[in-house]
Protein backbone atom coordinates (compact mmCIF):
# COMPACT_ATOMS: atom_id res chain seq x y z
CA MET A 1 -0.16 0.03 -0.32
CA PHE A 2 2.38 2.42 0.94
CA ILE A 3 4.59 1.91 -2.23
CA GLN A 4 1.61 2.29 -4.07
CA TRP A 5 0.73 5.22 -2.57
CA LEU A 6 4.86 6.49 -3.63
CA GLN A 7 4.46 5.78 -7.12
CA SER A 8 0.97 6.82 -7.62
CA SER A 9 -0.24 10.14 -5.02
CA LYS A 10 0.80 13.47 -6.25
CA ILE A 11 1.31 14.56 -2.41
CA ALA A 12 4.36 11.49 -2.82
CA MET A 13 5.18 13.35 -6.54
CA TRP A 14 6.33 16.86 -4.73
CA LEU A 15 7.20 14.61 -1.53
CA LEU A 16 9.78 12.74 -3.23
CA THR A 17 10.49 15.80 -5.65
CA VAL A 18 12.53 17.70 -2.80
CA ILE A 19 14.24 14.49 -1.59
CA ARG A 20 15.39 13.80 -5.23
CA VAL A 21 16.62 18.00 -5.30
CA TYR A 22 17.99 17.79 -1.62
CA VAL A 23 19.07 14.24 -2.65
CA GLY A 24 20.63 15.78 -6.16
CA TYR A 25 22.40 18.38 -4.45
CA LYS A 26 24.56 16.55 -2.11
CA TRP A 27 25.91 14.61 -4.85
CA LEU A 28 26.69 17.37 -6.97
CA SER A 29 28.66 19.37 -4.48
CA ALA A 30 30.31 16.58 -3.43
CA GLY A 31 30.98 16.20 -6.99
CA TRP A 32 32.13 19.49 -7.88
CA GLY A 33 34.56 19.24 -4.60
CA LYS A 34 35.88 16.67 -6.00
CA LEU A 35 36.13 17.63 -9.87
CA THR A 36 37.60 20.95 -8.93
CA GLY A 37 39.49 20.99 -5.65
CA GLY A 38 41.42 17.71 -6.95
CA PHE A 39 40.83 14.20 -5.70
CA ASP A 40 43.13 11.23 -4.66
CA ALA A 41 41.06 8.28 -3.37
CA SER A 42 43.97 6.28 -1.94
CA GLY A 43 44.05 7.55 1.27
CA PHE A 44 40.05 6.76 1.69
CA MET A 45 40.79 3.04 0.25
CA GLN A 46 44.00 2.51 2.68
CA GLY A 47 42.37 3.92 5.35
CA ALA A 48 39.16 1.56 5.17
CA ILE A 49 41.79 -1.54 4.23
CA ALA A 50 43.01 -0.44 8.02
CA LYS A 51 39.79 -0.68 9.47
CA SER A 52 39.44 -4.01 8.63
CA THR A 53 41.75 -5.33 12.06
CA GLY A 54 41.42 -5.33 14.98
CA GLU A 55 38.86 -6.72 17.84
CA HIS A 56 35.82 -4.73 16.24
CA PRO A 57 36.63 -4.24 12.69
CA ALA A 58 34.44 -1.08 10.99
CA VAL A 59 35.16 -3.27 7.27
CA GLN A 60 34.91 -6.43 6.50
CA ASP A 61 37.16 -8.61 5.10
CA TRP A 62 35.82 -9.97 1.47
CA TRP A 63 36.06 -5.85 1.20
CA ALA A 64 38.79 -4.92 2.86
CA VAL A 65 39.95 -7.82 -0.05
CA PHE A 66 38.64 -5.76 -2.78
CA LEU A 67 39.94 -2.70 -2.04
CA LYS A 68 43.22 -4.01 -1.81
CA HIS A 69 44.06 -6.03 -4.39
CA ALA A 70 40.98 -4.35 -7.18
CA ALA A 71 40.59 -0.75 -6.60
CA LEU A 72 44.05 -0.01 -4.66
CA PRO A 73 45.93 -0.78 -8.02
CA GLY A 74 43.09 0.78 -9.78
CA VAL A 75 42.81 4.02 -7.53
CA LYS A 76 43.44 6.27 -10.85
CA TRP A 77 40.79 4.89 -12.32
CA PHE A 78 38.41 5.54 -9.59
CA ASN A 79 40.09 9.11 -9.14
CA VAL A 80 37.96 10.05 -12.17
CA ILE A 81 34.66 8.06 -11.83
CA ILE A 82 33.70 8.64 -8.43
CA PRO A 83 33.49 12.54 -9.05
CA LEU A 84 32.03 12.33 -11.82
CA GLY A 85 29.83 9.63 -10.87
CA GLU A 86 29.10 12.03 -7.65
CA PHE A 87 28.31 15.01 -10.13
CA LEU A 88 26.66 13.31 -12.75
CA VAL A 89 23.99 11.28 -10.04
CA GLY A 90 23.68 14.64 -8.62
CA LEU A 91 22.80 16.43 -12.01
CA GLY A 92 20.39 13.36 -12.86
CA LEU A 93 18.35 14.02 -9.78
CA ILE A 94 18.14 17.70 -9.41
CA LEU A 95 17.07 18.04 -13.62
CA GLY A 96 14.70 14.51 -12.79
CA SER A 97 16.57 13.20 -15.88
CA PHE A 98 17.18 9.09 -15.59
CA THR A 99 15.87 9.94 -12.06
CA VAL A 100 15.68 6.46 -11.05
CA PHE A 101 18.13 5.36 -12.98
CA ALA A 102 20.42 8.61 -10.87
CA ALA A 103 19.77 7.34 -8.02
CA LEU A 104 20.70 3.45 -7.73
CA MET A 105 24.05 4.44 -9.03
CA GLY A 106 23.98 7.19 -6.07
CA LEU A 107 23.08 3.89 -3.81
CA VAL A 108 25.53 1.98 -5.62
CA MET A 109 28.62 4.36 -4.34
CA ASN A 110 26.54 4.85 -0.60
CA SER A 111 26.89 1.41 0.09
CA ALA A 112 30.78 1.17 -1.15
CA PHE A 113 31.43 4.20 0.84
CA LEU A 114 29.63 2.01 3.89
CA PHE A 115 31.09 -1.09 3.44
CA SER A 116 34.55 1.03 3.35
CA GLY A 117 32.94 2.51 7.23
CA SER A 118 32.21 5.68 6.53
CA ILE A 119 29.19 6.46 8.01
CA SER A 120 28.69 10.36 7.97
CA ILE A 121 25.48 11.46 5.77
CA ASN A 122 25.74 8.02 3.61
CA GLY A 123 23.22 6.08 5.33
CA GLN A 124 20.54 9.08 4.93
CA LEU A 125 21.40 9.43 1.48
CA LEU A 126 20.73 5.83 0.84
CA LEU A 127 17.50 5.32 2.72
CA LEU A 128 16.09 8.36 0.82
CA GLU A 129 17.43 6.79 -2.50
CA PHE A 130 15.73 3.74 -2.01
CA LEU A 131 12.66 5.76 -1.83
CA ILE A 132 12.94 7.60 -5.42
CA ILE A 133 14.24 4.10 -6.52
CA LEU A 134 10.79 2.11 -4.72
CA SER A 135 8.55 5.25 -6.20
CA ALA A 136 9.85 4.70 -9.86
CA ALA A 137 8.36 6.56 -12.13
CA ASN A 138 6.77 8.95 -10.07
CA SER A 139 9.90 10.57 -8.80
CA GLY A 140 10.35 12.40 -12.15
CA LYS A 141 7.28 13.51 -12.88
CA ILE A 142 8.33 16.96 -12.01
CA GLY A 143 11.29 16.87 -13.94
CA ILE A 144 12.85 16.11 -17.41
CA ASP A 145 11.59 12.26 -17.19
CA ARG A 146 8.22 13.63 -17.80
CA TRP A 147 8.94 14.12 -21.07
CA LEU A 148 11.97 11.98 -21.88
CA MET A 149 10.70 8.42 -20.82
CA PRO A 150 7.81 8.25 -22.95
CA TYR A 151 9.73 9.61 -25.74
CA LEU A 152 12.58 6.66 -25.29
CA GLN A 153 9.49 4.18 -24.08
CA ASN A 154 7.59 5.35 -27.69
CA LYS A 155 11.25 5.73 -29.46
CA PHE A 156 12.40 1.80 -28.54
CA MET A 157 8.75 -0.24 -28.55
CA ARG A 158 8.30 1.65 -31.96
CA LYS A 159 11.87 -0.33 -33.02
CA ALA A 160 11.06 -2.82 -31.29
CA LYS A 161 7.40 -3.68 -33.12
CA ILE A 162 9.22 -2.61 -36.75
CA SER A 163 11.86 -5.89 -36.03
CA SER A 164 8.94 -7.52 -35.41
CA ASP A 165 7.05 -7.06 -38.28
CA SER A 166 9.70 -7.89 -40.34
CA SER A 167 10.79 -10.95 -39.08
CA PRO A 168 10.44 -13.15 -41.70
CA LEU A 169 9.99 -15.78 -39.70
CA GLN A 170 6.15 -14.34 -38.82
CA ASN A 171 4.55 -14.83 -42.14
CA GLN A 172 5.33 -18.62 -42.69
CA ALA A 173 2.63 -20.62 -41.99
CA VAL A 174 3.57 -23.82 -39.64
């Protein structure tokens, strides 16, 4: 019942817009700060790896292994995709463009930060992004998605229909 309300209510649509813009602003400003101020994720990754030891580790072993053997060796790549990803998630959420996908990518990044032992605002943003994802199309109705999603659906449905209509096997008798 709550999910149905999130997906169809006009009140929810307005509430989700406020949430979406707030979350988007947080992502956009974090990404912009990293894009313009220089960013190096190696210290954060090394700190997370260090938090995986001791009596009460804040970081799980499997995540520390990923950070040590995959993320840290590729830190130059992460130094580009993290700030760019944060900025694009924020832009998508603020504009209401590919809203559910932007929220999903934000949720993935917040999860990675939480796995790395960074609480900060990540838990709050994760919950708000989950609401945006649950609400589906209603979260982007006051935004570019209002026009973009029907356009894309029409475009791809038309192509799918054309390709199925032109199938040589379709008109053959069985």
